[in-house]
N, C-alpha and C. Protein backbone atom coordinates (compact mmCIF):
# COMPACT_ATOMS: atom_id res chain seq x y z
N MET A 1 22.08 -63.82 18.89
CA MET A 1 21.17 -64.89 18.55
C MET A 1 21.70 -65.66 17.71
N THR A 2 20.88 -67.04 17.53
CA THR A 2 20.95 -67.96 16.93
C THR A 2 21.18 -67.43 15.34
N ASN A 3 22.00 -68.41 14.51
CA ASN A 3 22.03 -67.73 12.97
C ASN A 3 20.74 -68.41 12.36
N PHE A 4 19.98 -67.64 11.55
CA PHE A 4 18.85 -68.03 10.88
C PHE A 4 19.04 -67.81 9.65
N HIS A 5 17.65 -67.51 8.72
CA HIS A 5 17.65 -67.36 7.64
C HIS A 5 17.42 -65.89 7.73
N THR A 6 18.60 -65.11 7.60
CA THR A 6 18.64 -63.41 7.83
C THR A 6 18.15 -62.79 6.68
N GLY A 7 18.01 -63.15 5.47
CA GLY A 7 17.70 -62.33 4.28
C GLY A 7 18.87 -61.64 3.98
N ARG A 8 20.09 -61.49 4.33
CA ARG A 8 21.12 -61.04 4.07
C ARG A 8 21.77 -61.40 2.61
N ASP A 9 21.25 -62.56 2.12
CA ASP A 9 21.95 -63.11 0.95
C ASP A 9 20.99 -62.47 -0.21
N SER A 10 21.39 -62.61 -1.59
CA SER A 10 20.59 -62.01 -2.48
C SER A 10 19.34 -63.02 -2.46
N GLY A 11 18.13 -62.83 -2.89
CA GLY A 11 17.30 -63.63 -2.95
C GLY A 11 15.84 -62.85 -3.21
N PRO A 12 14.88 -63.77 -2.71
CA PRO A 12 13.53 -63.07 -2.61
C PRO A 12 13.35 -62.09 -1.57
N ALA A 13 12.27 -61.21 -1.53
CA ALA A 13 12.19 -60.17 -0.64
C ALA A 13 11.99 -60.99 0.88
N LEU A 14 12.17 -60.01 2.02
CA LEU A 14 11.85 -60.67 3.30
C LEU A 14 10.49 -60.88 3.42
N ASP A 15 10.29 -61.84 4.24
CA ASP A 15 8.93 -62.07 4.85
C ASP A 15 8.44 -61.43 6.17
N VAL A 16 9.37 -61.25 6.94
CA VAL A 16 9.46 -60.82 8.19
C VAL A 16 10.31 -59.95 8.53
N GLU A 17 10.10 -58.55 8.96
CA GLU A 17 11.25 -57.81 9.53
C GLU A 17 11.10 -57.86 11.17
N VAL A 18 12.48 -58.18 11.63
CA VAL A 18 12.67 -58.23 13.28
C VAL A 18 13.38 -57.05 13.77
N THR A 19 12.89 -56.31 14.73
CA THR A 19 13.74 -55.18 15.21
C THR A 19 13.66 -55.01 16.62
N GLY A 20 14.66 -54.50 17.30
CA GLY A 20 14.59 -54.07 18.74
C GLY A 20 13.62 -53.11 18.97
N PHE A 21 13.23 -53.04 20.27
CA PHE A 21 11.98 -52.05 20.47
C PHE A 21 12.54 -51.91 22.23
N GLY A 22 13.35 -51.07 22.38
CA GLY A 22 13.75 -50.97 23.60
C GLY A 22 14.66 -51.86 23.92
N GLU A 23 15.11 -52.38 25.14
CA GLU A 23 15.90 -53.35 25.57
C GLU A 23 15.29 -54.83 25.83
N SER A 24 13.96 -54.69 26.20
CA SER A 24 13.45 -55.98 26.52
C SER A 24 12.34 -56.73 25.39
N VAL A 25 12.20 -56.16 24.48
CA VAL A 25 11.35 -56.63 23.38
C VAL A 25 11.51 -56.71 21.93
N LEU A 26 11.10 -57.12 21.27
CA LEU A 26 11.39 -57.38 19.84
C LEU A 26 10.03 -56.94 19.21
N ARG A 27 10.23 -56.43 17.82
CA ARG A 27 8.95 -56.10 17.20
C ARG A 27 9.13 -57.09 15.69
N PHE A 28 8.05 -57.93 15.53
CA PHE A 28 8.03 -58.73 14.26
C PHE A 28 6.59 -58.29 13.51
N VAL A 29 7.31 -57.61 12.27
CA VAL A 29 6.52 -57.11 11.21
C VAL A 29 6.25 -58.36 10.26
N PRO A 30 4.88 -58.71 10.03
CA PRO A 30 4.93 -59.96 8.71
C PRO A 30 4.80 -58.83 7.60
N LEU A 31 5.68 -59.13 6.45
CA LEU A 31 5.31 -58.31 5.24
C LEU A 31 4.95 -58.97 4.10
N THR A 32 4.59 -60.20 4.05
CA THR A 32 4.02 -61.05 2.98
C THR A 32 2.63 -61.55 3.41
N ASP A 33 2.10 -62.16 2.43
CA ASP A 33 0.88 -62.64 2.90
C ASP A 33 1.28 -64.05 3.41
N ALA A 34 2.23 -64.88 2.98
CA ALA A 34 2.71 -65.89 3.60
C ALA A 34 3.00 -65.59 5.13
N ALA A 35 3.88 -64.72 5.60
CA ALA A 35 4.06 -64.50 6.89
C ALA A 35 3.04 -63.86 7.65
N ARG A 36 2.12 -63.30 7.20
CA ARG A 36 0.75 -63.06 7.68
C ARG A 36 -0.02 -64.32 8.15
N ASP A 37 -0.27 -64.99 6.89
CA ASP A 37 -1.11 -66.37 7.20
C ASP A 37 -0.07 -67.01 8.34
N TRP A 38 1.02 -67.23 8.31
CA TRP A 38 1.91 -68.01 9.52
C TRP A 38 1.58 -67.59 10.74
N PHE A 39 1.74 -66.19 10.85
CA PHE A 39 1.32 -65.53 12.16
C PHE A 39 -0.04 -65.98 12.60
N GLU A 40 -0.95 -65.98 11.70
CA GLU A 40 -2.41 -65.92 12.19
C GLU A 40 -2.36 -67.49 12.60
N ASP A 41 -1.79 -68.45 11.70
CA ASP A 41 -2.15 -70.11 12.10
C ASP A 41 -1.38 -70.22 13.31
N ASN A 42 0.09 -69.93 13.51
CA ASN A 42 0.84 -70.39 14.68
C ASN A 42 1.07 -69.65 15.70
N VAL A 43 0.47 -68.14 15.84
CA VAL A 43 0.94 -67.56 17.19
C VAL A 43 -0.09 -66.94 17.77
N GLU A 44 -0.14 -67.53 19.02
CA GLU A 44 -1.27 -67.10 19.90
C GLU A 44 -1.05 -65.50 20.34
N SER A 45 -1.73 -64.76 20.35
CA SER A 45 -1.38 -63.40 20.65
C SER A 45 -2.61 -62.93 21.12
N GLU A 46 -2.61 -61.55 21.89
CA GLU A 46 -3.72 -60.85 22.14
C GLU A 46 -3.59 -59.46 21.56
N SER A 47 -4.81 -58.79 21.23
CA SER A 47 -4.64 -57.64 20.54
C SER A 47 -3.78 -56.67 20.80
N TRP A 48 -3.60 -56.46 22.42
CA TRP A 48 -2.70 -55.42 22.70
C TRP A 48 -1.30 -55.70 22.50
N GLN A 49 -0.88 -56.78 22.11
CA GLN A 49 0.49 -57.33 21.71
C GLN A 49 0.68 -56.59 20.32
N TRP A 50 -0.21 -56.08 19.55
CA TRP A 50 0.11 -55.78 18.59
C TRP A 50 0.15 -54.14 18.18
N LEU A 51 1.14 -53.63 17.93
CA LEU A 51 1.35 -52.11 17.74
C LEU A 51 1.42 -51.86 16.10
N GLY A 52 0.01 -51.58 15.67
CA GLY A 52 0.17 -51.15 14.11
C GLY A 52 0.17 -52.62 13.79
N ARG A 53 1.29 -52.89 12.94
CA ARG A 53 1.36 -54.38 11.80
C ARG A 53 2.30 -55.13 12.44
N ALA A 54 2.87 -54.75 13.75
CA ALA A 54 3.91 -55.28 14.29
C ALA A 54 3.57 -56.25 15.85
N LEU A 55 3.99 -57.29 15.92
CA LEU A 55 3.68 -57.85 16.68
C LEU A 55 4.74 -57.72 17.88
N VAL A 56 4.55 -57.39 18.98
CA VAL A 56 5.72 -57.12 20.04
C VAL A 56 5.86 -58.06 21.29
N VAL A 57 7.16 -58.55 21.05
CA VAL A 57 7.34 -59.97 21.82
C VAL A 57 8.46 -59.84 22.92
N ASP A 58 8.27 -60.16 24.14
CA ASP A 58 9.30 -60.24 25.22
C ASP A 58 10.53 -60.98 24.59
N HIS A 59 11.50 -60.38 25.08
CA HIS A 59 12.91 -61.01 24.24
C HIS A 59 12.93 -62.55 24.66
N ARG A 60 12.51 -63.03 25.94
CA ARG A 60 12.55 -64.38 26.24
C ARG A 60 11.92 -65.20 25.41
N LEU A 61 10.93 -64.68 24.50
CA LEU A 61 10.14 -65.77 23.67
C LEU A 61 10.66 -65.58 22.30
N ALA A 62 11.32 -64.57 22.19
CA ALA A 62 11.58 -64.28 20.53
C ALA A 62 12.44 -65.51 19.94
N VAL A 63 13.41 -66.12 20.54
CA VAL A 63 14.08 -67.10 20.09
C VAL A 63 13.06 -68.15 19.46
N ASP A 64 12.19 -68.67 20.24
CA ASP A 64 11.14 -69.79 19.62
C ASP A 64 10.48 -69.24 18.71
N LEU A 65 10.03 -67.96 18.60
CA LEU A 65 9.16 -67.41 17.49
C LEU A 65 10.30 -67.27 16.22
N LEU A 66 11.52 -66.90 16.57
CA LEU A 66 12.54 -67.09 15.14
C LEU A 66 12.63 -68.20 14.75
N ARG A 67 12.41 -69.44 15.70
CA ARG A 67 12.85 -70.83 15.26
C ARG A 67 11.46 -71.11 14.25
N GLY A 68 10.50 -70.85 14.75
CA GLY A 68 9.25 -71.36 14.12
C GLY A 68 9.11 -70.54 12.58
N ILE A 69 9.78 -69.36 12.58
CA ILE A 69 9.60 -68.35 11.25
C ILE A 69 10.74 -69.28 10.54
N ASP A 70 11.51 -69.80 10.81
CA ASP A 70 12.84 -70.31 10.05
C ASP A 70 12.14 -71.64 9.57
N ALA A 71 11.49 -72.27 10.55
CA ALA A 71 11.08 -73.76 10.15
C ALA A 71 10.19 -73.60 9.06
N ALA A 72 9.57 -72.44 9.11
CA ALA A 72 8.31 -72.47 8.02
C ALA A 72 9.01 -71.96 6.87
N GLY A 73 10.45 -71.58 6.75
CA GLY A 73 11.04 -71.26 5.37
C GLY A 73 11.05 -69.72 5.15
N LEU A 74 10.23 -69.11 6.09
CA LEU A 74 9.95 -67.77 5.81
C LEU A 74 11.57 -67.03 6.09
N ARG A 75 11.71 -65.84 5.34
CA ARG A 75 12.78 -65.32 5.54
C ARG A 75 12.61 -63.84 6.14
N PHE A 76 13.68 -63.68 7.11
CA PHE A 76 13.84 -62.51 8.02
C PHE A 76 14.94 -61.81 8.15
N GLN A 77 15.05 -60.73 8.33
CA GLN A 77 16.18 -60.06 8.78
C GLN A 77 15.97 -59.23 10.23
N GLU A 78 17.15 -59.46 10.98
CA GLU A 78 16.98 -58.68 12.20
C GLU A 78 17.66 -57.28 12.19
N GLY A 79 16.82 -56.29 12.41
CA GLY A 79 17.32 -54.80 12.46
C GLY A 79 17.48 -54.25 13.60
N GLN A 80 18.05 -53.01 13.77
CA GLN A 80 18.30 -52.30 14.83
C GLN A 80 17.05 -51.41 15.22
């Protein structure tokens, strides 16, 4: 994927955790109030797209979501 604020540098805690979930979807977990507010204000989703605290997104839409998170200055890290 494209290089974004990955949170791998030292600094403040992560705002969003991003992990693969199977081969075709990614899980986005907003960890901070700022991230939760951003998701509420900027992401259109249905209740069935949320598994607990995680928004599950088709991999084809994930890059646009990551770009939005990055543009908002939120820190994230992609995990496995």
